[in-house]
Amino acid sequence: MKTIYLVRHTKAEEKTSVIKDFGRQLTTRGIRDAEKIGKRLASMRILPDGIISSPARRTMQTAKIISKNLKYAGEITVNENIYHTSGAKIITIIQKTEEKIQSLMIVGHNPSFNGILHHLCETNIDNIPKGGVIGIKLNVEQWGEISNGCGVLLFFDSPKNK
């Protein structure tokens, strides 16, 4: 059995003519929300074997804050193919994960994460909000076996939850 955690980046500044989408950084609220989610995940004793992040500034900031709270000692792998892509392409990335990794955290974006969630498991969650975290238990022994409906939702959390 494998486990995947999808973490959508927290609140970032708006893009402008000067600040392009890729370089948007977290707002003060975004930093606070990433800390909150990181602490909640730590209280649940979640410690992934690997973390992959989109290279966008806001996702990297979110990944670093959460990994610090989890006391994650490994490297955060940056994968350019997570930025502005489909859920299907991210699933392909997941399927290529090293088998020694049993639990994987991916920090990225919507709408691709919504697509992954609905591909892997039945749920009535329509949207993963900024800072939202989804835990999914995959009924597979190897990452390459991931298929439609192979997952079971373990939990859904967001900074707005009490």
N, C-alpha and C. Protein backbone atom coordinates (compact mmCIF):
# COMPACT_ATOMS: atom_id res chain seq x y z
N MET A 1 0.84 -1.19 0.00
CA MET A 1 0.00 0.00 0.00
C MET A 1 0.88 1.24 0.00
N LYS A 2 0.49 2.20 -0.81
CA LYS A 2 1.19 3.47 -0.90
C LYS A 2 0.25 4.56 -0.42
N THR A 3 0.83 5.68 -0.01
CA THR A 3 0.05 6.82 0.44
C THR A 3 0.55 8.07 -0.26
N ILE A 4 -0.39 8.90 -0.66
CA ILE A 4 -0.04 10.16 -1.29
C ILE A 4 -0.72 11.31 -0.56
N TYR A 5 0.00 12.41 -0.43
CA TYR A 5 -0.54 13.62 0.17
C TYR A 5 -0.45 14.72 -0.87
N LEU A 6 -1.59 15.30 -1.23
CA LEU A 6 -1.62 16.42 -2.16
C LEU A 6 -1.77 17.69 -1.34
N VAL A 7 -0.82 18.61 -1.48
CA VAL A 7 -0.85 19.87 -0.74
C VAL A 7 -0.89 21.01 -1.74
N ARG A 8 -1.99 21.74 -1.73
CA ARG A 8 -2.07 22.91 -2.60
C ARG A 8 -1.39 24.08 -1.89
N HIS A 9 -0.62 24.85 -2.65
CA HIS A 9 0.08 25.99 -2.05
C HIS A 9 -0.90 26.91 -1.33
N THR A 10 -0.40 27.63 -0.36
CA THR A 10 -1.24 28.56 0.40
C THR A 10 -1.34 29.89 -0.34
N LYS A 11 -1.98 30.85 0.28
CA LYS A 11 -2.30 32.14 -0.37
C LYS A 11 -1.04 32.88 -0.81
N ALA A 12 -1.08 33.30 -2.08
CA ALA A 12 0.05 34.03 -2.67
C ALA A 12 -0.42 35.40 -3.14
N GLU A 13 0.56 36.27 -3.33
CA GLU A 13 0.24 37.60 -3.84
C GLU A 13 -0.35 37.49 -5.24
N GLU A 14 -1.11 38.50 -5.61
CA GLU A 14 -1.74 38.52 -6.94
C GLU A 14 -0.67 38.79 -8.00
N LYS A 15 -0.89 38.22 -9.19
CA LYS A 15 0.05 38.52 -10.26
C LYS A 15 -0.29 39.89 -10.84
N THR A 16 0.73 40.57 -11.26
CA THR A 16 0.58 41.90 -11.85
C THR A 16 1.45 41.95 -13.11
N SER A 17 1.53 43.12 -13.70
CA SER A 17 2.40 43.27 -14.88
C SER A 17 3.87 43.11 -14.48
N VAL A 18 4.17 43.36 -13.22
CA VAL A 18 5.55 43.24 -12.72
C VAL A 18 5.79 41.85 -12.13
N ILE A 19 4.81 41.33 -11.39
CA ILE A 19 4.94 40.03 -10.74
C ILE A 19 4.24 38.98 -11.60
N LYS A 20 5.00 38.15 -12.24
CA LYS A 20 4.45 37.09 -13.08
C LYS A 20 4.00 35.92 -12.20
N ASP A 21 3.15 35.07 -12.73
CA ASP A 21 2.58 33.96 -11.98
C ASP A 21 3.64 33.09 -11.31
N PHE A 22 4.67 32.71 -12.04
CA PHE A 22 5.70 31.81 -11.53
C PHE A 22 6.42 32.37 -10.31
N GLY A 23 6.60 33.69 -10.25
CA GLY A 23 7.36 34.30 -9.17
C GLY A 23 6.56 34.80 -8.00
N ARG A 24 5.25 34.56 -8.01
CA ARG A 24 4.41 35.03 -6.90
C ARG A 24 4.84 34.37 -5.60
N GLN A 25 4.97 35.17 -4.55
CA GLN A 25 5.36 34.62 -3.25
C GLN A 25 4.17 34.60 -2.30
N LEU A 26 4.33 33.88 -1.22
CA LEU A 26 3.26 33.78 -0.23
C LEU A 26 3.03 35.12 0.45
N THR A 27 1.77 35.37 0.76
CA THR A 27 1.41 36.54 1.56
C THR A 27 1.67 36.19 3.03
N THR A 28 1.50 37.18 3.90
CA THR A 28 1.64 36.92 5.33
C THR A 28 0.65 35.84 5.76
N ARG A 29 -0.56 35.92 5.25
CA ARG A 29 -1.57 34.89 5.56
C ARG A 29 -1.14 33.54 5.01
N GLY A 30 -0.57 33.52 3.81
CA GLY A 30 -0.10 32.27 3.21
C GLY A 30 0.97 31.60 4.06
N ILE A 31 1.88 32.39 4.58
CA ILE A 31 2.95 31.87 5.45
C ILE A 31 2.32 31.29 6.73
N ARG A 32 1.40 32.05 7.31
CA ARG A 32 0.72 31.61 8.54
C ARG A 32 -0.07 30.32 8.29
N ASP A 33 -0.76 30.24 7.15
CA ASP A 33 -1.55 29.05 6.82
C ASP A 33 -0.65 27.83 6.58
N ALA A 34 0.49 28.03 5.94
CA ALA A 34 1.43 26.92 5.71
C ALA A 34 1.95 26.40 7.05
N GLU A 35 2.25 27.31 7.97
CA GLU A 35 2.68 26.91 9.32
C GLU A 35 1.58 26.10 10.01
N LYS A 36 0.35 26.57 9.90
CA LYS A 36 -0.79 25.91 10.54
C LYS A 36 -0.96 24.49 9.99
N ILE A 37 -0.92 24.35 8.68
CA ILE A 37 -1.09 23.03 8.06
C ILE A 37 0.09 22.13 8.41
N GLY A 38 1.29 22.67 8.39
CA GLY A 38 2.47 21.89 8.77
C GLY A 38 2.37 21.35 10.18
N LYS A 39 1.91 22.18 11.11
CA LYS A 39 1.76 21.75 12.50
C LYS A 39 0.66 20.70 12.65
N ARG A 40 -0.43 20.87 11.89
CA ARG A 40 -1.50 19.86 11.95
C ARG A 40 -1.02 18.52 11.42
N LEU A 41 -0.32 18.54 10.31
CA LEU A 41 0.20 17.30 9.75
C LEU A 41 1.18 16.65 10.71
N ALA A 42 2.01 17.46 11.36
CA ALA A 42 2.96 16.93 12.35
C ALA A 42 2.21 16.30 13.53
N SER A 43 1.11 16.92 13.95
CA SER A 43 0.33 16.37 15.07
C SER A 43 -0.33 15.05 14.68
N MET A 44 -0.53 14.84 13.36
CA MET A 44 -1.08 13.57 12.86
C MET A 44 0.03 12.55 12.63
N ARG A 45 1.25 12.95 12.95
CA ARG A 45 2.44 12.11 12.78
C ARG A 45 2.66 11.70 11.32
N ILE A 46 2.38 12.64 10.43
CA ILE A 46 2.62 12.40 9.01
C ILE A 46 4.05 12.82 8.70
N LEU A 47 4.79 11.90 8.15
CA LEU A 47 6.16 12.17 7.71
C LEU A 47 6.38 11.39 6.42
N PRO A 48 6.23 12.08 5.28
CA PRO A 48 6.39 11.38 4.01
C PRO A 48 7.83 10.93 3.78
N ASP A 49 7.97 9.90 2.95
CA ASP A 49 9.31 9.44 2.56
C ASP A 49 9.91 10.33 1.49
N GLY A 50 9.07 11.06 0.78
CA GLY A 50 9.53 11.95 -0.27
C GLY A 50 8.59 13.12 -0.45
N ILE A 51 9.15 14.25 -0.86
CA ILE A 51 8.35 15.44 -1.16
C ILE A 51 8.78 15.94 -2.53
N ILE A 52 7.78 16.16 -3.40
CA ILE A 52 8.01 16.74 -4.72
C ILE A 52 7.23 18.04 -4.78
N SER A 53 7.85 19.09 -5.31
CA SER A 53 7.19 20.38 -5.42
C SER A 53 7.29 20.94 -6.83
N SER A 54 6.28 21.68 -7.19
CA SER A 54 6.33 22.52 -8.38
C SER A 54 7.45 23.54 -8.13
N PRO A 55 8.10 24.03 -9.18
CA PRO A 55 9.16 25.01 -8.98
C PRO A 55 8.66 26.43 -8.74
N ALA A 56 7.37 26.68 -8.87
CA ALA A 56 6.84 28.03 -8.64
C ALA A 56 7.21 28.49 -7.23
N ARG A 57 7.49 29.75 -7.09
CA ARG A 57 7.98 30.29 -5.81
C ARG A 57 7.02 29.98 -4.66
N ARG A 58 5.74 30.17 -4.86
CA ARG A 58 4.76 29.97 -3.79
C ARG A 58 4.67 28.51 -3.34
N THR A 59 4.84 27.58 -4.28
CA THR A 59 4.79 26.17 -3.90
C THR A 59 6.06 25.77 -3.16
N MET A 60 7.18 26.28 -3.61
CA MET A 60 8.44 25.97 -2.92
C MET A 60 8.42 26.53 -1.49
N GLN A 61 7.89 27.74 -1.32
CA GLN A 61 7.79 28.30 0.02
C GLN A 61 6.88 27.44 0.90
N THR A 62 5.74 27.03 0.35
CA THR A 62 4.81 26.18 1.10
C THR A 62 5.48 24.86 1.48
N ALA A 63 6.15 24.24 0.52
CA ALA A 63 6.83 22.96 0.77
C ALA A 63 7.89 23.09 1.86
N LYS A 64 8.66 24.15 1.82
CA LYS A 64 9.72 24.34 2.82
C LYS A 64 9.15 24.55 4.22
N ILE A 65 8.10 25.34 4.32
CA ILE A 65 7.49 25.60 5.64
C ILE A 65 6.91 24.30 6.20
N ILE A 66 6.18 23.56 5.38
CA ILE A 66 5.57 22.31 5.86
C ILE A 66 6.64 21.29 6.20
N SER A 67 7.65 21.15 5.35
CA SER A 67 8.69 20.14 5.64
C SER A 67 9.44 20.48 6.93
N LYS A 68 9.63 21.75 7.21
CA LYS A 68 10.28 22.16 8.46
C LYS A 68 9.43 21.74 9.66
N ASN A 69 8.12 21.96 9.57
CA ASN A 69 7.23 21.58 10.66
C ASN A 69 7.16 20.07 10.84
N LEU A 70 7.31 19.33 9.75
CA LEU A 70 7.28 17.87 9.83
C LEU A 70 8.62 17.29 10.27
N LYS A 71 9.63 18.14 10.34
CA LYS A 71 11.01 17.70 10.62
C LYS A 71 11.47 16.71 9.55
N TYR A 72 11.07 16.99 8.32
CA TYR A 72 11.46 16.18 7.16
C TYR A 72 12.93 16.43 6.86
N ALA A 73 13.73 15.38 6.88
CA ALA A 73 15.18 15.52 6.72
C ALA A 73 15.65 15.36 5.28
N GLY A 74 14.78 14.89 4.42
CA GLY A 74 15.18 14.64 3.03
C GLY A 74 15.18 15.91 2.19
N GLU A 75 15.52 15.72 0.93
CA GLU A 75 15.50 16.81 -0.04
C GLU A 75 14.09 16.98 -0.57
N ILE A 76 13.74 18.21 -0.88
CA ILE A 76 12.50 18.47 -1.61
C ILE A 76 12.87 18.42 -3.09
N THR A 77 12.29 17.48 -3.81
CA THR A 77 12.56 17.34 -5.23
C THR A 77 11.71 18.34 -6.00
N VAL A 78 12.32 19.11 -6.85
CA VAL A 78 11.60 20.07 -7.68
C VAL A 78 11.36 19.42 -9.03
N ASN A 79 10.10 19.44 -9.46
CA ASN A 79 9.77 18.88 -10.76
C ASN A 79 9.02 19.94 -11.57
N GLU A 80 9.66 20.43 -12.62
CA GLU A 80 9.10 21.48 -13.46
C GLU A 80 7.79 21.08 -14.09
N ASN A 81 7.58 19.78 -14.27
CA ASN A 81 6.39 19.29 -14.95
C ASN A 81 5.13 19.34 -14.09
N ILE A 82 5.25 19.78 -12.84
CA ILE A 82 4.08 19.92 -11.97
C ILE A 82 3.44 21.29 -12.15
N TYR A 83 4.18 22.25 -12.68
CA TYR A 83 3.67 23.62 -12.88
C TYR A 83 2.87 23.69 -14.17
N HIS A 84 1.66 24.22 -14.09
CA HIS A 84 0.78 24.39 -15.27
C HIS A 84 0.64 23.12 -16.08
N THR A 85 0.11 22.08 -15.46
CA THR A 85 -0.06 20.81 -16.16
C THR A 85 -1.37 20.17 -15.74
N SER A 86 -1.65 19.04 -16.30
CA SER A 86 -2.88 18.31 -15.98
C SER A 86 -2.65 17.31 -14.85
N GLY A 87 -3.74 16.89 -14.25
CA GLY A 87 -3.66 15.85 -13.23
C GLY A 87 -3.10 14.56 -13.80
N ALA A 88 -3.45 14.24 -15.04
CA ALA A 88 -2.96 13.02 -15.69
C ALA A 88 -1.44 13.03 -15.80
N LYS A 89 -0.85 14.17 -16.09
CA LYS A 89 0.61 14.25 -16.21
C LYS A 89 1.27 14.10 -14.84
N ILE A 90 0.64 14.62 -13.81
CA ILE A 90 1.20 14.47 -12.46
C ILE A 90 1.09 13.00 -12.03
N ILE A 91 0.01 12.33 -12.38
CA ILE A 91 -0.11 10.91 -12.07
C ILE A 91 1.02 10.13 -12.74
N THR A 92 1.37 10.50 -13.94
CA THR A 92 2.51 9.85 -14.63
C THR A 92 3.80 10.06 -13.85
N ILE A 93 3.98 11.26 -13.30
CA ILE A 93 5.16 11.54 -12.46
C ILE A 93 5.14 10.65 -11.22
N ILE A 94 3.99 10.55 -10.59
CA ILE A 94 3.85 9.71 -9.39
C ILE A 94 4.17 8.25 -9.72
N GLN A 95 3.70 7.77 -10.86
CA GLN A 95 3.93 6.38 -11.25
C GLN A 95 5.40 6.05 -11.42
N LYS A 96 6.23 7.06 -11.60
CA LYS A 96 7.67 6.85 -11.79
C LYS A 96 8.46 7.01 -10.48
N THR A 97 7.76 7.14 -9.37
CA THR A 97 8.41 7.29 -8.06
C THR A 97 9.16 6.02 -7.69
N GLU A 98 10.31 6.18 -7.04
CA GLU A 98 11.09 5.03 -6.59
C GLU A 98 10.25 4.18 -5.63
N GLU A 99 10.35 2.88 -5.78
CA GLU A 99 9.53 1.96 -4.99
C GLU A 99 9.87 1.97 -3.51
N LYS A 100 11.08 2.38 -3.14
CA LYS A 100 11.42 2.43 -1.71
C LYS A 100 10.58 3.48 -0.98
N ILE A 101 10.01 4.42 -1.72
CA ILE A 101 9.16 5.46 -1.12
C ILE A 101 7.76 4.88 -0.95
N GLN A 102 7.27 4.88 0.28
CA GLN A 102 5.94 4.36 0.58
C GLN A 102 4.90 5.48 0.66
N SER A 103 5.34 6.66 1.09
CA SER A 103 4.41 7.79 1.19
C SER A 103 5.05 9.01 0.52
N LEU A 104 4.27 9.68 -0.30
CA LEU A 104 4.77 10.77 -1.12
C LEU A 104 3.89 12.00 -0.95
N MET A 105 4.53 13.15 -0.73
CA MET A 105 3.81 14.42 -0.66
C MET A 105 4.14 15.22 -1.92
N ILE A 106 3.10 15.75 -2.54
CA ILE A 106 3.29 16.60 -3.70
C ILE A 106 2.69 17.96 -3.38
N VAL A 107 3.47 19.02 -3.59
CA VAL A 107 3.02 20.38 -3.34
C VAL A 107 2.85 21.05 -4.70
N GLY A 108 1.64 21.48 -4.98
CA GLY A 108 1.38 22.02 -6.31
C GLY A 108 0.14 22.87 -6.39
N HIS A 109 -0.60 22.70 -7.49
CA HIS A 109 -1.63 23.66 -7.89
C HIS A 109 -2.94 22.98 -8.28
N ASN A 110 -3.97 23.80 -8.33
CA ASN A 110 -5.23 23.43 -8.96
C ASN A 110 -5.24 24.05 -10.34
N PRO A 111 -5.98 23.54 -11.28
CA PRO A 111 -7.00 22.50 -11.15
C PRO A 111 -6.46 21.07 -11.23
N SER A 112 -5.16 20.91 -11.44
CA SER A 112 -4.61 19.55 -11.60
C SER A 112 -4.84 18.68 -10.37
N PHE A 113 -4.74 19.24 -9.16
CA PHE A 113 -4.95 18.44 -7.96
C PHE A 113 -6.38 17.95 -7.84
N ASN A 114 -7.35 18.80 -8.23
CA ASN A 114 -8.74 18.35 -8.23
C ASN A 114 -8.89 17.15 -9.16
N GLY A 115 -8.24 17.21 -10.31
CA GLY A 115 -8.30 16.11 -11.27
C GLY A 115 -7.71 14.82 -10.71
N ILE A 116 -6.58 14.93 -10.03
CA ILE A 116 -5.94 13.76 -9.41
C ILE A 116 -6.87 13.15 -8.36
N LEU A 117 -7.42 13.99 -7.51
CA LEU A 117 -8.32 13.53 -6.44
C LEU A 117 -9.47 12.72 -7.02
N HIS A 118 -10.12 13.26 -8.05
CA HIS A 118 -11.30 12.59 -8.61
C HIS A 118 -10.93 11.38 -9.46
N HIS A 119 -9.70 11.32 -9.94
CA HIS A 119 -9.23 10.14 -10.66
C HIS A 119 -8.96 8.99 -9.68
N LEU A 120 -8.38 9.32 -8.53
CA LEU A 120 -7.96 8.28 -7.60
C LEU A 120 -9.06 7.76 -6.69
N CYS A 121 -9.99 8.61 -6.29
CA CYS A 121 -11.00 8.13 -5.35
C CYS A 121 -12.34 8.83 -5.52
N GLU A 122 -13.37 8.15 -5.04
CA GLU A 122 -14.71 8.73 -5.05
C GLU A 122 -14.80 9.69 -3.88
N THR A 123 -15.25 10.90 -4.17
CA THR A 123 -15.38 11.91 -3.12
C THR A 123 -16.36 12.98 -3.58
N ASN A 124 -16.93 13.69 -2.62
CA ASN A 124 -17.80 14.81 -2.95
C ASN A 124 -17.06 16.14 -2.77
N ILE A 125 -15.74 16.09 -2.62
CA ILE A 125 -14.94 17.31 -2.51
C ILE A 125 -14.80 17.89 -3.92
N ASP A 126 -15.35 19.08 -4.11
CA ASP A 126 -15.33 19.70 -5.43
C ASP A 126 -14.06 20.50 -5.70
N ASN A 127 -13.46 21.03 -4.63
CA ASN A 127 -12.31 21.92 -4.81
C ASN A 127 -11.37 21.82 -3.62
N ILE A 128 -10.10 21.66 -3.91
CA ILE A 128 -9.08 21.72 -2.87
C ILE A 128 -8.69 23.19 -2.74
N PRO A 129 -9.00 23.83 -1.62
CA PRO A 129 -8.71 25.26 -1.48
C PRO A 129 -7.22 25.52 -1.26
N LYS A 130 -6.82 26.77 -1.33
CA LYS A 130 -5.43 27.13 -1.08
C LYS A 130 -5.05 26.64 0.32
N GLY A 131 -3.94 25.92 0.40
CA GLY A 131 -3.49 25.35 1.66
C GLY A 131 -4.16 24.04 2.01
N GLY A 132 -5.06 23.58 1.16
CA GLY A 132 -5.76 22.33 1.41
C GLY A 132 -4.83 21.12 1.27
N VAL A 133 -5.07 20.11 2.09
CA VAL A 133 -4.28 18.88 2.07
C VAL A 133 -5.24 17.70 1.97
N ILE A 134 -4.90 16.79 1.07
CA ILE A 134 -5.67 15.57 0.88
C ILE A 134 -4.74 14.39 1.15
N GLY A 135 -5.16 13.46 1.97
CA GLY A 135 -4.42 12.21 2.18
C GLY A 135 -5.17 11.09 1.50
N ILE A 136 -4.47 10.30 0.68
CA ILE A 136 -5.11 9.21 -0.05
C ILE A 136 -4.28 7.93 0.12
N LYS A 137 -4.93 6.87 0.58
CA LYS A 137 -4.31 5.55 0.65
C LYS A 137 -4.57 4.88 -0.69
N LEU A 138 -3.50 4.42 -1.34
CA LEU A 138 -3.61 3.79 -2.65
C LEU A 138 -3.57 2.28 -2.49
N ASN A 139 -4.52 1.60 -3.07
CA ASN A 139 -4.58 0.14 -3.01
C ASN A 139 -3.69 -0.46 -4.09
N VAL A 140 -2.41 -0.15 -4.01
CA VAL A 140 -1.41 -0.65 -4.96
C VAL A 140 -0.14 -1.00 -4.18
N GLU A 141 0.63 -1.90 -4.72
CA GLU A 141 1.92 -2.26 -4.12
C GLU A 141 3.06 -1.46 -4.76
N GLN A 142 2.85 -1.06 -6.01
CA GLN A 142 3.87 -0.30 -6.74
C GLN A 142 3.23 0.95 -7.34
N TRP A 143 4.00 2.02 -7.39
CA TRP A 143 3.49 3.29 -7.91
C TRP A 143 2.97 3.14 -9.35
N GLY A 144 3.60 2.34 -10.13
CA GLY A 144 3.20 2.16 -11.52
C GLY A 144 1.83 1.53 -11.70
N GLU A 145 1.27 0.97 -10.62
CA GLU A 145 -0.04 0.31 -10.68
C GLU A 145 -1.20 1.28 -10.47
N ILE A 146 -0.91 2.55 -10.23
CA ILE A 146 -1.97 3.52 -9.98
C ILE A 146 -2.94 3.54 -11.16
N SER A 147 -4.23 3.47 -10.82
CA SER A 147 -5.27 3.50 -11.84
C SER A 147 -6.51 4.21 -11.30
N ASN A 148 -7.45 4.43 -12.16
CA ASN A 148 -8.69 5.10 -11.80
C ASN A 148 -9.38 4.37 -10.65
N GLY A 149 -9.69 5.10 -9.58
CA GLY A 149 -10.42 4.55 -8.45
C GLY A 149 -9.64 3.68 -7.50
N CYS A 150 -8.30 3.68 -7.58
CA CYS A 150 -7.50 2.80 -6.72
C CYS A 150 -7.26 3.37 -5.32
N GLY A 151 -7.77 4.57 -5.05
CA GLY A 151 -7.49 5.21 -3.77
C GLY A 151 -8.69 5.32 -2.85
N VAL A 152 -8.37 5.51 -1.57
CA VAL A 152 -9.38 5.75 -0.54
C VAL A 152 -8.97 7.02 0.18
N LEU A 153 -9.90 7.96 0.29
CA LEU A 153 -9.63 9.23 0.97
C LEU A 153 -9.40 8.98 2.45
N LEU A 154 -8.23 9.38 2.95
CA LEU A 154 -7.91 9.26 4.37
C LEU A 154 -8.37 10.48 5.14
N PHE A 155 -8.10 11.66 4.60
CA PHE A 155 -8.51 12.90 5.25
C PHE A 155 -8.44 14.06 4.27
N PHE A 156 -9.12 15.12 4.61
CA PHE A 156 -9.11 16.38 3.88
C PHE A 156 -9.05 17.48 4.93
N ASP A 157 -8.08 18.37 4.79
CA ASP A 157 -7.95 19.47 5.75
C ASP A 157 -7.59 20.73 4.99
N SER A 158 -7.88 21.86 5.60
CA SER A 158 -7.49 23.14 5.03
C SER A 158 -7.28 24.12 6.18
N PRO A 159 -6.57 25.22 5.90
CA PRO A 159 -6.32 26.20 6.98
C PRO A 159 -7.58 26.77 7.60
N LYS A 160 -8.69 26.77 6.86
CA LYS A 160 -9.92 27.34 7.38
C LYS A 160 -10.61 26.42 8.39
N ASN A 161 -10.25 25.12 8.41
CA ASN A 161 -10.82 24.20 9.39
C ASN A 161 -10.31 24.56 10.78
N LYS A 162 -11.12 24.37 11.76
CA LYS A 162 -10.73 24.68 13.14
C LYS A 162 -10.00 23.54 13.78
